[in-house]
């Protein structure tokens, strides 16, 4: 569940900052947000940034569903993966 996702997220990123969030309500229970993420990968130490769109479904002020959409995930992968050279250098 969510706790496991947060633990995995913490293992991947040593720092993460979300900047300029903008929120767009859409109907009674849907909100979209647009922002930009700046992060440092824990395994590689590499910095990466990307635009982020998120879909929220809410009810009674609680998030029922959250779906993040990361632009250009292929560009994120090199920062997230330690290369053979990175592993041997440590």
Foldseek 3Di string as FASTA:
>chain_A
DVVVVVVVVVQFFVDKDWPDWDWDDDPDFKIKIKTKMWTATPLQRDIDIWIKIKIFGDDPNDTPDIDIDTPPVVVVVVRRDQDPVNVVVD
